[in-house]
Amino acid sequence: MKIILLILPIFLLATTGCSLSGVSPKTQTPITTPIEANSSTSVSTTPKVSCDKEENCCIKDEDCKYIWFTGGCNTPEYIAKIQKEAAAAGIRNGEASPRDNVTCTCENTKCITHN
C-alpha cells in the first residue's frame, strides 16, 4: 500500500508535464502542415495591416491623395479630421502653393510625397 501512495503522486506529476526538480510544465509545440497546391483553401499573399486612415495611415497607394493646400500627400480622412479639429479650436490653417507632377505612394503605412 505504501508503494502505491509513493508511486501515485510521481505518476500524477509525470502525466501533467511537471518534473520533481520544480521546472515549469512542458510547452507543446504547435504542429503546422503545408497547404497542398490543389487545396481549395486560398492563402492571401498580402499581409494584413490594420490602420486608421484618420491617423494618416495607408495600406495601398490609392489611399494617399495629393492635397495641394497641405503641400503633400495624405489620406483625405486625415485632412478632414485635422480641419475639423482646427475649426473647433478656432484655428485657421494656412495653405501651401499648388505643385505640378506630384505623385503619392504608400510606404510602411505612411503617405509619401514624390516630386
PDB file of N, CA and C in Angstrom:
ATOM      1  N   MET A   1       0.817  -1.197   0.000  1.00  0.00           N
ATOM      2  CA  MET A   1       0.000   0.000   0.000  1.00  0.00           C
ATOM      3  C   MET A   1       0.862   1.262   0.000  1.00  0.00           C
ATOM      4  N   LYS A   2       1.980   1.244   0.770  1.00  0.00           N
ATOM      5  CA  LYS A   2       2.871   2.398   0.837  1.00  0.00           C
ATOM      6  C   LYS A   2       3.493   2.683  -0.525  1.00  0.00           C
ATOM      7  N   ILE A   3       3.762   1.640  -1.298  1.00  0.00           N
ATOM      8  CA  ILE A   3       4.356   1.820  -2.614  1.00  0.00           C
ATOM      9  C   ILE A   3       3.377   2.539  -3.531  1.00  0.00           C
ATOM     10  N   ILE A   4       2.124   2.196  -3.452  1.00  0.00           N
ATOM     11  CA  ILE A   4       1.095   2.853  -4.277  1.00  0.00           C
ATOM     12  C   ILE A   4       0.995   4.326  -3.904  1.00  0.00           C
ATOM     13  N   LEU A   5       1.024   4.654  -2.614  1.00  0.00           N
ATOM     14  CA  LEU A   5       0.953   6.046  -2.182  1.00  0.00           C
ATOM     15  C   LEU A   5       2.194   6.822  -2.613  1.00  0.00           C
ATOM     16  N   LEU A   6       3.319   6.151  -2.743  1.00  0.00           N
ATOM     17  CA  LEU A   6       4.547   6.793  -3.187  1.00  0.00           C
ATOM     18  C   LEU A   6       4.568   6.952  -4.708  1.00  0.00           C
ATOM     19  N   ILE A   7       4.102   5.971  -5.432  1.00  0.00           N
ATOM     20  CA  ILE A   7       4.131   5.990  -6.890  1.00  0.00           C
ATOM     21  C   ILE A   7       3.029   6.888  -7.469  1.00  0.00           C
ATOM     22  N   LEU A   8       1.870   6.961  -6.847  1.00  0.00           N
ATOM     23  CA  LEU A   8       0.740   7.728  -7.365  1.00  0.00           C
ATOM     24  C   LEU A   8       1.065   9.213  -7.549  1.00  0.00           C
ATOM     25  N   PRO A   9       1.654   9.929  -6.569  1.00  0.00           N
ATOM     26  CA  PRO A   9       1.987  11.343  -6.803  1.00  0.00           C
ATOM     27  C   PRO A   9       3.019  11.533  -7.904  1.00  0.00           C
ATOM     28  N   ILE A  10       3.989  10.631  -7.989  1.00  0.00           N
ATOM     29  CA  ILE A  10       5.000  10.725  -9.045  1.00  0.00           C
ATOM     30  C   ILE A  10       4.340  10.527 -10.403  1.00  0.00           C
ATOM     31  N   PHE A  11       3.433   9.599 -10.500  1.00  0.00           N
ATOM     32  CA  PHE A  11       2.712   9.354 -11.744  1.00  0.00           C
ATOM     33  C   PHE A  11       1.874  10.572 -12.140  1.00  0.00           C
ATOM     34  N   LEU A  12       1.208  11.169 -11.162  1.00  0.00           N
ATOM     35  CA  LEU A  12       0.390  12.340 -11.453  1.00  0.00           C
ATOM     36  C   LEU A  12       1.249  13.517 -11.939  1.00  0.00           C
ATOM     37  N   LEU A  13       2.394  13.727 -11.316  1.00  0.00           N
ATOM     38  CA  LEU A  13       3.295  14.788 -11.755  1.00  0.00           C
ATOM     39  C   LEU A  13       3.808  14.522 -13.170  1.00  0.00           C
ATOM     40  N   ALA A  14       4.121  13.275 -13.446  1.00  0.00           N
ATOM     41  CA  ALA A  14       4.647  12.920 -14.761  1.00  0.00           C
ATOM     42  C   ALA A  14       3.591  13.108 -15.846  1.00  0.00           C
ATOM     43  N   THR A  15       2.357  12.793 -15.562  1.00  0.00           N
ATOM     44  CA  THR A  15       1.309  12.913 -16.579  1.00  0.00           C
ATOM     45  C   THR A  15       0.884  14.351 -16.822  1.00  0.00           C
ATOM     46  N   THR A  16       1.112  15.248 -15.873  1.00  0.00           N
ATOM     47  CA  THR A  16       0.749  16.656 -16.076  1.00  0.00           C
ATOM     48  C   THR A  16       1.886  17.460 -16.671  1.00  0.00           C
ATOM     49  N   GLY A  17       3.039  16.846 -16.882  1.00  0.00           N
ATOM     50  CA  GLY A  17       4.151  17.531 -17.513  1.00  0.00           C
ATOM     51  C   GLY A  17       5.079  18.224 -16.543  1.00  0.00           C
ATOM     52  N   CYS A  18       4.919  18.025 -15.257  1.00  0.00           N
ATOM     53  CA  CYS A  18       5.798  18.637 -14.260  1.00  0.00           C
ATOM     54  C   CYS A  18       6.881  17.644 -13.875  1.00  0.00           C
ATOM     55  N   SER A  19       8.020  18.189 -13.476  1.00  0.00           N
ATOM     56  CA  SER A  19       9.092  17.322 -13.001  1.00  0.00           C
ATOM     57  C   SER A  19       9.300  17.561 -11.515  1.00  0.00           C
ATOM     58  N   LEU A  20      10.035  16.695 -10.894  1.00  0.00           N
ATOM     59  CA  LEU A  20      10.297  16.828  -9.479  1.00  0.00           C
ATOM     60  C   LEU A  20      11.283  17.944  -9.174  1.00  0.00           C
ATOM     61  N   SER A  21      12.003  18.447 -10.186  1.00  0.00           N
ATOM     62  CA  SER A  21      13.006  19.472  -9.944  1.00  0.00           C
ATOM     63  C   SER A  21      12.405  20.877  -9.896  1.00  0.00           C
ATOM     64  N   GLY A  22      11.123  20.999 -10.024  1.00  0.00           N
ATOM     65  CA  GLY A  22      10.478  22.305  -9.933  1.00  0.00           C
ATOM     66  C   GLY A  22      10.447  23.059 -11.247  1.00  0.00           C
ATOM     67  N   VAL A  23      10.788  22.447 -12.356  1.00  0.00           N
ATOM     68  CA  VAL A  23      10.756  23.097 -13.659  1.00  0.00           C
ATOM     69  C   VAL A  23       9.306  23.245 -14.077  1.00  0.00           C
ATOM     70  N   SER A  24       9.023  24.350 -14.766  1.00  0.00           N
ATOM     71  CA  SER A  24       7.644  24.613 -15.182  1.00  0.00           C
ATOM     72  C   SER A  24       7.148  23.540 -16.153  1.00  0.00           C
ATOM     73  N   PRO A  25       5.837  23.434 -16.326  1.00  0.00           N
ATOM     74  CA  PRO A  25       5.269  22.417 -17.211  1.00  0.00           C
ATOM     75  C   PRO A  25       5.792  22.564 -18.635  1.00  0.00           C
ATOM     76  N   LYS A  26       5.833  21.440 -19.334  1.00  0.00           N
ATOM     77  CA  LYS A  26       6.314  21.434 -20.707  1.00  0.00           C
ATOM     78  C   LYS A  26       5.364  22.226 -21.602  1.00  0.00           C
ATOM     79  N   THR A  27       5.934  22.925 -22.557  1.00  0.00           N
ATOM     80  CA  THR A  27       5.093  23.618 -23.534  1.00  0.00           C
ATOM     81  C   THR A  27       4.992  22.758 -24.767  1.00  0.00           C
ATOM     82  N   GLN A  28       3.852  22.787 -25.382  1.00  0.00           N
ATOM     83  CA  GLN A  28       3.645  21.996 -26.577  1.00  0.00           C
ATOM     84  C   GLN A  28       3.954  22.852 -27.802  1.00  0.00           C
ATOM     85  N   THR A  29       4.691  22.280 -28.728  1.00  0.00           N
ATOM     86  CA  THR A  29       5.000  22.959 -29.972  1.00  0.00           C
ATOM     87  C   THR A  29       3.858  22.704 -30.946  1.00  0.00           C
ATOM     88  N   PRO A  30       3.281  23.780 -31.518  1.00  0.00           N
ATOM     89  CA  PRO A  30       2.182  23.556 -32.462  1.00  0.00           C
ATOM     90  C   PRO A  30       2.695  22.860 -33.719  1.00  0.00           C
ATOM     91  N   ILE A  31       1.884  22.017 -34.254  1.00  0.00           N
ATOM     92  CA  ILE A  31       2.240  21.301 -35.470  1.00  0.00           C
ATOM     93  C   ILE A  31       1.607  22.036 -36.644  1.00  0.00           C
ATOM     94  N   THR A  32       2.429  22.375 -37.609  1.00  0.00           N
ATOM     95  CA  THR A  32       1.920  23.044 -38.800  1.00  0.00           C
ATOM     96  C   THR A  32       2.107  22.122 -39.985  1.00  0.00           C
ATOM     97  N   THR A  33       1.144  22.134 -40.868  1.00  0.00           N
ATOM     98  CA  THR A  33       1.240  21.322 -42.070  1.00  0.00           C
ATOM     99  C   THR A  33       1.114  22.226 -43.275  1.00  0.00           C
ATOM    100  N   PRO A  34       1.860  21.944 -44.335  1.00  0.00           N
ATOM    101  CA  PRO A  34       1.756  22.783 -45.529  1.00  0.00           C
ATOM    102  C   PRO A  34       0.422  22.574 -46.228  1.00  0.00           C
ATOM    103  N   ILE A  35      -0.033  23.609 -46.915  1.00  0.00           N
ATOM    104  CA  ILE A  35      -1.281  23.509 -47.679  1.00  0.00           C
ATOM    105  C   ILE A  35      -0.940  22.938 -49.044  1.00  0.00           C
ATOM    106  N   GLU A  36      -1.679  21.961 -49.461  1.00  0.00           N
ATOM    107  CA  GLU A  36      -1.414  21.330 -50.738  1.00  0.00           C
ATOM    108  C   GLU A  36      -1.758  22.284 -51.875  1.00  0.00           C
ATOM    109  N   ALA A  37      -1.071  22.129 -53.001  1.00  0.00           N
ATOM    110  CA  ALA A  37      -1.268  23.007 -54.152  1.00  0.00           C
ATOM    111  C   ALA A  37      -2.679  22.895 -54.700  1.00  0.00           C
ATOM    112  N   ASN A  38      -3.286  21.755 -54.606  1.00  0.00           N
ATOM    113  CA  ASN A  38      -4.628  21.562 -55.140  1.00  0.00           C
ATOM    114  C   ASN A  38      -5.711  21.811 -54.100  1.00  0.00           C
ATOM    115  N   SER A  39      -5.338  22.349 -52.983  1.00  0.00           N
ATOM    116  CA  SER A  39      -6.294  22.588 -51.907  1.00  0.00           C
ATOM    117  C   SER A  39      -7.257  23.692 -52.288  1.00  0.00           C
ATOM    118  N   SER A  40      -8.468  23.621 -51.796  1.00  0.00           N
ATOM    119  CA  SER A  40      -9.455  24.666 -52.072  1.00  0.00           C
ATOM    120  C   SER A  40      -9.268  25.876 -51.165  1.00  0.00           C
ATOM    121  N   THR A  41      -8.371  25.768 -50.195  1.00  0.00           N
ATOM    122  CA  THR A  41      -8.102  26.880 -49.285  1.00  0.00           C
ATOM    123  C   THR A  41      -7.207  27.888 -49.981  1.00  0.00           C
ATOM    124  N   SER A  42      -7.623  29.143 -50.002  1.00  0.00           N
ATOM    125  CA  SER A  42      -6.797  30.169 -50.627  1.00  0.00           C
ATOM    126  C   SER A  42      -6.015  30.909 -49.550  1.00  0.00           C
ATOM    127  N   VAL A  43      -4.788  31.248 -49.859  1.00  0.00           N
ATOM    128  CA  VAL A  43      -3.923  31.948 -48.931  1.00  0.00           C
ATOM    129  C   VAL A  43      -3.606  33.305 -49.531  1.00  0.00           C
ATOM    130  N   SER A  44      -3.822  34.356 -48.779  1.00  0.00           N
ATOM    131  CA  SER A  44      -3.529  35.702 -49.238  1.00  0.00           C
ATOM    132  C   SER A  44      -2.043  35.985 -49.062  1.00  0.00           C
ATOM    133  N   THR A  45      -1.430  36.556 -50.097  1.00  0.00           N
ATOM    134  CA  THR A  45      -0.023  36.908 -50.001  1.00  0.00           C
ATOM    135  C   THR A  45       0.155  38.328 -49.491  1.00  0.00           C
ATOM    136  N   THR A  46      -0.914  39.092 -49.397  1.00  0.00           N
ATOM    137  CA  THR A  46      -0.847  40.453 -48.892  1.00  0.00           C
ATOM    138  C   THR A  46      -0.932  40.411 -47.373  1.00  0.00           C
ATOM    139  N   PRO A  47       0.028  41.009 -46.675  1.00  0.00           N
ATOM    140  CA  PRO A  47      -0.046  40.991 -45.209  1.00  0.00           C
ATOM    141  C   PRO A  47      -1.221  41.827 -44.730  1.00  0.00           C
ATOM    142  N   LYS A  48      -1.855  41.354 -43.679  1.00  0.00           N
ATOM    143  CA  LYS A  48      -2.978  42.090 -43.122  1.00  0.00           C
ATOM    144  C   LYS A  48      -2.445  43.173 -42.202  1.00  0.00           C
ATOM    145  N   VAL A  49      -2.792  44.400 -42.533  1.00  0.00           N
ATOM    146  CA  VAL A  49      -2.347  45.542 -41.754  1.00  0.00           C
ATOM    147  C   VAL A  49      -3.585  46.287 -41.296  1.00  0.00           C
ATOM    148  N   SER A  50      -3.606  46.615 -40.068  1.00  0.00           N
ATOM    149  CA  SER A  50      -4.727  47.370 -39.537  1.00  0.00           C
ATOM    150  C   SER A  50      -4.255  48.784 -39.271  1.00  0.00           C
ATOM    151  N   CYS A  51      -4.914  49.739 -39.908  1.00  0.00           N
ATOM    152  CA  CYS A  51      -4.555  51.122 -39.648  1.00  0.00           C
ATOM    153  C   CYS A  51      -5.768  52.006 -39.834  1.00  0.00           C
ATOM    154  N   ASP A  52      -5.687  53.171 -39.257  1.00  0.00           N
ATOM    155  CA  ASP A  52      -6.788  54.120 -39.272  1.00  0.00           C
ATOM    156  C   ASP A  52      -6.451  55.260 -40.218  1.00  0.00           C
ATOM    157  N   LYS A  53      -7.242  55.406 -41.272  1.00  0.00           N
ATOM    158  CA  LYS A  53      -6.980  56.469 -42.251  1.00  0.00           C
ATOM    159  C   LYS A  53      -7.088  57.857 -41.629  1.00  0.00           C
ATOM    160  N   GLU A  54      -7.850  57.984 -40.547  1.00  0.00           N
ATOM    161  CA  GLU A  54      -7.941  59.276 -39.866  1.00  0.00           C
ATOM    162  C   GLU A  54      -6.644  59.626 -39.146  1.00  0.00           C
ATOM    163  N   GLU A  55      -5.754  58.662 -39.001  1.00  0.00           N
ATOM    164  CA  GLU A  55      -4.448  58.912 -38.399  1.00  0.00           C
ATOM    165  C   GLU A  55      -3.364  58.981 -39.473  1.00  0.00           C
ATOM    166  N   ASN A  56      -3.796  59.166 -40.735  1.00  0.00           N
ATOM    167  CA  ASN A  56      -2.907  59.289 -41.894  1.00  0.00           C
ATOM    168  C   ASN A  56      -2.161  57.998 -42.169  1.00  0.00           C
ATOM    169  N   CYS A  57      -2.799  56.879 -41.920  1.00  0.00           N
ATOM    170  CA  CYS A  57      -2.224  55.566 -42.148  1.00  0.00           C
ATOM    171  C   CYS A  57      -2.799  55.000 -43.444  1.00  0.00           C
ATOM    172  N   CYS A  58      -1.939  54.451 -44.295  1.00  0.00           N
ATOM    173  CA  CYS A  58      -2.392  53.902 -45.575  1.00  0.00           C
ATOM    174  C   CYS A  58      -1.984  52.440 -45.693  1.00  0.00           C
ATOM    175  N   ILE A  59      -2.675  51.732 -46.565  1.00  0.00           N
ATOM    176  CA  ILE A  59      -2.345  50.341 -46.850  1.00  0.00           C
ATOM    177  C   ILE A  59      -1.864  50.208 -48.288  1.00  0.00           C
ATOM    178  N   LYS A  60      -2.456  50.981 -49.189  1.00  0.00           N
ATOM    179  CA  LYS A  60      -2.076  50.933 -50.600  1.00  0.00           C
ATOM    180  C   LYS A  60      -1.936  52.356 -51.134  1.00  0.00           C
ATOM    181  N   ASP A  61      -1.270  52.494 -52.275  1.00  0.00           N
ATOM    182  CA  ASP A  61      -1.018  53.810 -52.861  1.00  0.00           C
ATOM    183  C   ASP A  61      -2.296  54.613 -53.077  1.00  0.00           C
ATOM    184  N   GLU A  62      -3.373  53.935 -53.429  1.00  0.00           N
ATOM    185  CA  GLU A  62      -4.642  54.620 -53.713  1.00  0.00           C
ATOM    186  C   GLU A  62      -5.236  55.303 -52.481  1.00  0.00           C
ATOM    187  N   ASP A  63      -4.783  54.926 -51.305  1.00  0.00           N
ATOM    188  CA  ASP A  63      -5.269  55.561 -50.073  1.00  0.00           C
ATOM    189  C   ASP A  63      -4.729  56.983 -49.927  1.00  0.00           C
ATOM    190  N   CYS A  64      -3.616  57.276 -50.582  1.00  0.00           N
ATOM    191  CA  CYS A  64      -2.936  58.564 -50.437  1.00  0.00           C
ATOM    192  C   CYS A  64      -3.310  59.487 -51.593  1.00  0.00           C
ATOM    193  N   LYS A  65      -3.630  60.721 -51.275  1.00  0.00           N
ATOM    194  CA  LYS A  65      -4.003  61.723 -52.285  1.00  0.00           C
ATOM    195  C   LYS A  65      -3.155  62.969 -52.084  1.00  0.00           C
ATOM    196  N   TYR A  66      -2.790  63.588 -53.214  1.00  0.00           N
ATOM    197  CA  TYR A  66      -2.097  64.879 -53.128  1.00  0.00           C
ATOM    198  C   TYR A  66      -3.149  65.926 -52.830  1.00  0.00           C
ATOM    199  N   ILE A  67      -3.028  66.552 -51.705  1.00  0.00           N
ATOM    200  CA  ILE A  67      -3.968  67.597 -51.282  1.00  0.00           C
ATOM    201  C   ILE A  67      -3.169  68.884 -51.274  1.00  0.00           C
ATOM    202  N   TRP A  68      -3.342  69.657 -52.346  1.00  0.00           N
ATOM    203  CA  TRP A  68      -2.442  70.771 -52.634  1.00  0.00           C
ATOM    204  C   TRP A  68      -2.297  71.756 -51.492  1.00  0.00           C
ATOM    205  N   PHE A  69      -3.373  72.066 -50.799  1.00  0.00           N
ATOM    206  CA  PHE A  69      -3.269  73.098 -49.763  1.00  0.00           C
ATOM    207  C   PHE A  69      -2.512  72.631 -48.525  1.00  0.00           C
ATOM    208  N   THR A  70      -2.229  71.310 -48.446  1.00  0.00           N
ATOM    209  CA  THR A  70      -1.401  70.814 -47.343  1.00  0.00           C
ATOM    210  C   THR A  70       0.064  70.732 -47.749  1.00  0.00           C
ATOM    211  N   GLY A  71       0.314  70.800 -49.047  1.00  0.00           N
ATOM    212  CA  GLY A  71       1.676  70.724 -49.541  1.00  0.00           C
ATOM    213  C   GLY A  71       2.202  69.315 -49.706  1.00  0.00           C
ATOM    214  N   GLY A  72       1.362  68.309 -49.531  1.00  0.00           N
ATOM    215  CA  GLY A  72       1.842  66.936 -49.655  1.00  0.00           C
ATOM    216  C   GLY A  72       0.729  65.921 -49.779  1.00  0.00           C
ATOM    217  N   CYS A  73       1.118  64.677 -49.673  1.00  0.00           N
ATOM    218  CA  CYS A  73       0.183  63.563 -49.787  1.00  0.00           C
ATOM    219  C   CYS A  73      -0.271  63.116 -48.406  1.00  0.00           C
ATOM    220  N   ASN A  74      -1.555  62.927 -48.281  1.00  0.00           N
ATOM    221  CA  ASN A  74      -2.163  62.473 -47.033  1.00  0.00           C
ATOM    222  C   ASN A  74      -3.403  61.675 -47.376  1.00  0.00           C
ATOM    223  N   THR A  75      -3.983  61.032 -46.375  1.00  0.00           N
ATOM    224  CA  THR A  75      -5.289  60.417 -46.595  1.00  0.00           C
ATOM    225  C   THR A  75      -6.331  61.522 -46.438  1.00  0.00           C
ATOM    226  N   PRO A  76      -7.339  61.546 -47.302  1.00  0.00           N
ATOM    227  CA  PRO A  76      -8.381  62.563 -47.169  1.00  0.00           C
ATOM    228  C   PRO A  76      -9.069  62.541 -45.799  1.00  0.00           C
ATOM    229  N   GLU A  77      -9.183  61.359 -45.211  1.00  0.00           N
ATOM    230  CA  GLU A  77      -9.807  61.232 -43.894  1.00  0.00           C
ATOM    231  C   GLU A  77      -8.997  61.966 -42.833  1.00  0.00           C
ATOM    232  N   TYR A  78      -7.677  61.911 -42.953  1.00  0.00           N
ATOM    233  CA  TYR A  78      -6.793  62.591 -42.003  1.00  0.00           C
ATOM    234  C   TYR A  78      -6.954  64.108 -42.130  1.00  0.00           C
ATOM    235  N   ILE A  79      -6.962  64.616 -43.352  1.00  0.00           N
ATOM    236  CA  ILE A  79      -7.099  66.060 -43.568  1.00  0.00           C
ATOM    237  C   ILE A  79      -8.447  66.552 -43.050  1.00  0.00           C
ATOM    238  N   ALA A  80      -9.503  65.781 -43.295  1.00  0.00           N
ATOM    239  CA  ALA A  80     -10.834  66.165 -42.786  1.00  0.00           C
ATOM    240  C   ALA A  80     -10.813  66.240 -41.261  1.00  0.00           C
ATOM    241  N   LYS A  81     -10.151  65.289 -40.614  1.00  0.00           N
ATOM    242  CA  LYS A  81     -10.065  65.283 -39.148  1.00  0.00           C
ATOM    243  C   LYS A  81      -9.295  66.511 -38.653  1.00  0.00           C
ATOM    244  N   ILE A  82      -8.159  66.820 -39.289  1.00  0.00           N
ATOM    245  CA  ILE A  82      -7.341  67.964 -38.880  1.00  0.00           C
ATOM    246  C   ILE A  82      -8.109  69.268 -39.070  1.00  0.00           C
ATOM    247  N   GLN A  83      -8.813  69.398 -40.192  1.00  0.00           N
ATOM    248  CA  GLN A  83      -9.597  70.612 -40.439  1.00  0.00           C
ATOM    249  C   GLN A  83     -10.711  70.771 -39.409  1.00  0.00           C
ATOM    250  N   LYS A  84     -11.355  69.670 -39.056  1.00  0.00           N
ATOM    251  CA  LYS A  84     -12.434  69.714 -38.066  1.00  0.00           C
ATOM    252  C   LYS A  84     -11.895  70.125 -36.697  1.00  0.00           C
ATOM    253  N   GLU A  85     -10.741  69.551 -36.306  1.00  0.00           N
ATOM    254  CA  GLU A  85     -10.134  69.894 -35.014  1.00  0.00           C
ATOM    255  C   GLU A  85      -9.690  71.355 -34.985  1.00  0.00           C
ATOM    256  N   ALA A  86      -9.137  71.841 -36.099  1.00  0.00           N
ATOM    257  CA  ALA A  86      -8.696  73.237 -36.169  1.00  0.00           C
ATOM    258  C   ALA A  86      -9.883  74.186 -36.083  1.00  0.00           C
ATOM    259  N   ALA A  87     -10.954  73.859 -36.777  1.00  0.00           N
ATOM    260  CA  ALA A  87     -12.151  74.710 -36.754  1.00  0.00           C
ATOM    261  C   ALA A  87     -12.739  74.754 -35.347  1.00  0.00           C
ATOM    262  N   ALA A  88     -12.752  73.620 -34.657  1.00  0.00           N
ATOM    263  CA  ALA A  88     -13.291  73.570 -33.295  1.00  0.00           C
ATOM    264  C   ALA A  88     -12.446  74.399 -32.333  1.00  0.00           C
ATOM    265  N   ALA A  89     -11.133  74.476 -32.616  1.00  0.00           N
ATOM    266  CA  ALA A  89     -10.238  75.254 -31.758  1.00  0.00           C
ATOM    267  C   ALA A  89     -10.129  76.714 -32.211  1.00  0.00           C
ATOM    268  N   GLY A  90     -10.826  77.066 -33.294  1.00  0.00           N
ATOM    269  CA  GLY A  90     -10.779  78.447 -33.790  1.00  0.00           C
ATOM    270  C   GLY A  90      -9.486  78.769 -34.523  1.00  0.00           C
ATOM    271  N   ILE A  91      -8.803  77.750 -35.023  1.00  0.00           N
ATOM    272  CA  ILE A  91      -7.543  77.953 -35.742  1.00  0.00           C
ATOM    273  C   ILE A  91      -7.819  77.942 -37.240  1.00  0.00           C
ATOM    274  N   ARG A  92      -7.223  78.898 -37.930  1.00  0.00           N
ATOM    275  CA  ARG A  92      -7.368  78.933 -39.379  1.00  0.00           C
ATOM    276  C   ARG A  92      -6.068  78.441 -39.991  1.00  0.00           C
ATOM    277  N   ASN A  93      -6.151  77.335 -40.717  1.00  0.00           N
ATOM    278  CA  ASN A  93      -4.959  76.749 -41.331  1.00  0.00           C
ATOM    279  C   ASN A  93      -4.533  77.552 -42.550  1.00  0.00           C
ATOM    280  N   GLY A  94      -3.222  77.653 -42.758  1.00  0.00           N
ATOM    281  CA  GLY A  94      -2.687  78.285 -43.960  1.00  0.00           C
ATOM    282  C   GLY A  94      -2.748  77.320 -45.122  1.00  0.00           C
ATOM    283  N   GLU A  95      -2.375  77.805 -46.289  1.00  0.00           N
ATOM    284  CA  GLU A  95      -2.384  76.966 -47.474  1.00  0.00           C
ATOM    285  C   GLU A  95      -1.021  76.999 -48.141  1.00  0.00           C
ATOM    286  N   ALA A  96      -0.617  75.844 -48.667  1.00  0.00           N
ATOM    287  CA  ALA A  96       0.628  75.754 -49.428  1.00  0.00           C
ATOM    288  C   ALA A  96       0.326  76.039 -50.887  1.00  0.00           C
ATOM    289  N   SER A  97       1.333  76.427 -51.629  1.00  0.00           N
ATOM    290  CA  SER A  97       1.167  76.663 -53.070  1.00  0.00           C
ATOM    291  C   SER A  97       1.010  75.331 -53.784  1.00  0.00           C
ATOM    292  N   PRO A  98       0.148  75.287 -54.798  1.00  0.00           N
ATOM    293  CA  PRO A  98      -0.013  74.043 -55.570  1.00  0.00           C
ATOM    294  C   PRO A  98       1.289  73.670 -56.284  1.00  0.00           C
ATOM    295  N   ARG A  99       1.532  72.370 -56.441  1.00  0.00           N
ATOM    296  CA  ARG A  99       2.706  71.879 -57.150  1.00  0.00           C
ATOM    297  C   ARG A  99       2.259  70.984 -58.291  1.00  0.00           C
ATOM    298  N   ASP A 100       3.049  70.932 -59.346  1.00  0.00           N
ATOM    299  CA  ASP A 100       2.744  70.079 -60.501  1.00  0.00           C
ATOM    300  C   ASP A 100       3.487  68.753 -60.397  1.00  0.00           C
ATOM    301  N   ASN A 101       2.951  67.745 -61.074  1.00  0.00           N
ATOM    302  CA  ASN A 101       3.582  66.426 -61.211  1.00  0.00           C
ATOM    303  C   ASN A 101       3.909  65.760 -59.875  1.00  0.00           C
ATOM    304  N   VAL A 102       3.021  65.869 -58.939  1.00  0.00           N
ATOM    305  CA  VAL A 102       3.216  65.228 -57.644  1.00  0.00           C
ATOM    306  C   VAL A 102       2.592  63.834 -57.693  1.00  0.00           C
ATOM    307  N   THR A 103       3.325  62.854 -57.191  1.00  0.00           N
ATOM    308  CA  THR A 103       2.779  61.505 -57.062  1.00  0.00           C
ATOM    309  C   THR A 103       2.840  61.090 -55.600  1.00  0.00           C
ATOM    310  N   CYS A 104       1.909  60.239 -55.232  1.00  0.00           N
ATOM    311  CA  CYS A 104       1.820  59.764 -53.853  1.00  0.00           C
ATOM    312  C   CYS A 104       1.976  58.250 -53.826  1.00  0.00           C
ATOM    313  N   THR A 105       2.703  57.777 -52.850  1.00  0.00           N
ATOM    314  CA  THR A 105       2.813  56.342 -52.626  1.00  0.00           C
ATOM    315  C   THR A 105       2.607  56.049 -51.142  1.00  0.00           C
ATOM    316  N   CYS A 106       2.239  54.819 -50.875  1.00  0.00           N
ATOM    317  CA  CYS A 106       2.086  54.353 -49.501  1.00  0.00           C
ATOM    318  C   CYS A 106       3.292  53.477 -49.192  1.00  0.00           C
ATOM    319  N   GLU A 107       4.107  53.918 -48.256  1.00  0.00           N
ATOM    320  CA  GLU A 107       5.294  53.167 -47.877  1.00  0.00           C
ATOM    321  C   GLU A 107       5.316  53.002 -46.365  1.00  0.00           C
ATOM    322  N   ASN A 108       5.335  51.754 -45.925  1.00  0.00           N
ATOM    323  CA  ASN A 108       5.324  51.444 -44.488  1.00  0.00           C
ATOM    324  C   ASN A 108       4.163  52.116 -43.770  1.00  0.00           C
ATOM    325  N   THR A 109       2.997  52.064 -44.349  1.00  0.00           N
ATOM    326  CA  THR A 109       1.729  52.603 -43.851  1.00  0.00           C
ATOM    327  C   THR A 109       1.707  54.122 -43.738  1.00  0.00           C
ATOM    328  N   LYS A 110       2.621  54.814 -44.415  1.00  0.00           N
ATOM    329  CA  LYS A 110       2.639  56.280 -44.413  1.00  0.00           C
ATOM    330  C   LYS A 110       2.583  56.793 -45.835  1.00  0.00           C
ATOM    331  N   CYS A 111       1.847  57.892 -46.044  1.00  0.00           N
ATOM    332  CA  CYS A 111       1.777  58.516 -47.355  1.00  0.00           C
ATOM    333  C   CYS A 111       3.057  59.309 -47.606  1.00  0.00           C
ATOM    334  N   ILE A 112       3.676  59.055 -48.766  1.00  0.00           N
ATOM    335  CA  ILE A 112       4.918  59.718 -49.127  1.00  0.00           C
ATOM    336  C   ILE A 112       4.665  60.557 -50.382  1.00  0.00           C
ATOM    337  N   THR A 113       5.170  61.806 -50.364  1.00  0.00           N
ATOM    338  CA  THR A 113       5.033  62.727 -51.469  1.00  0.00           C
ATOM    339  C   THR A 113       6.279  62.672 -52.332  1.00  0.00           C
ATOM    340  N   HIS A 114       6.084  62.502 -53.645  1.00  0.00           N
ATOM    341  CA  HIS A 114       7.199  62.485 -54.597  1.00  0.00           C
ATOM    342  C   HIS A 114       7.000  63.592 -55.615  1.00  0.00           C
ATOM    343  N   ASN A 115       8.058  64.362 -55.895  1.00  0.00           N
ATOM    344  CA  ASN A 115       8.013  65.406 -56.919  1.00  0.00           C
ATOM    345  C   ASN A 115       9.407  65.700 -57.401  1.00  0.00           C
TER     346      ASN A 115
END
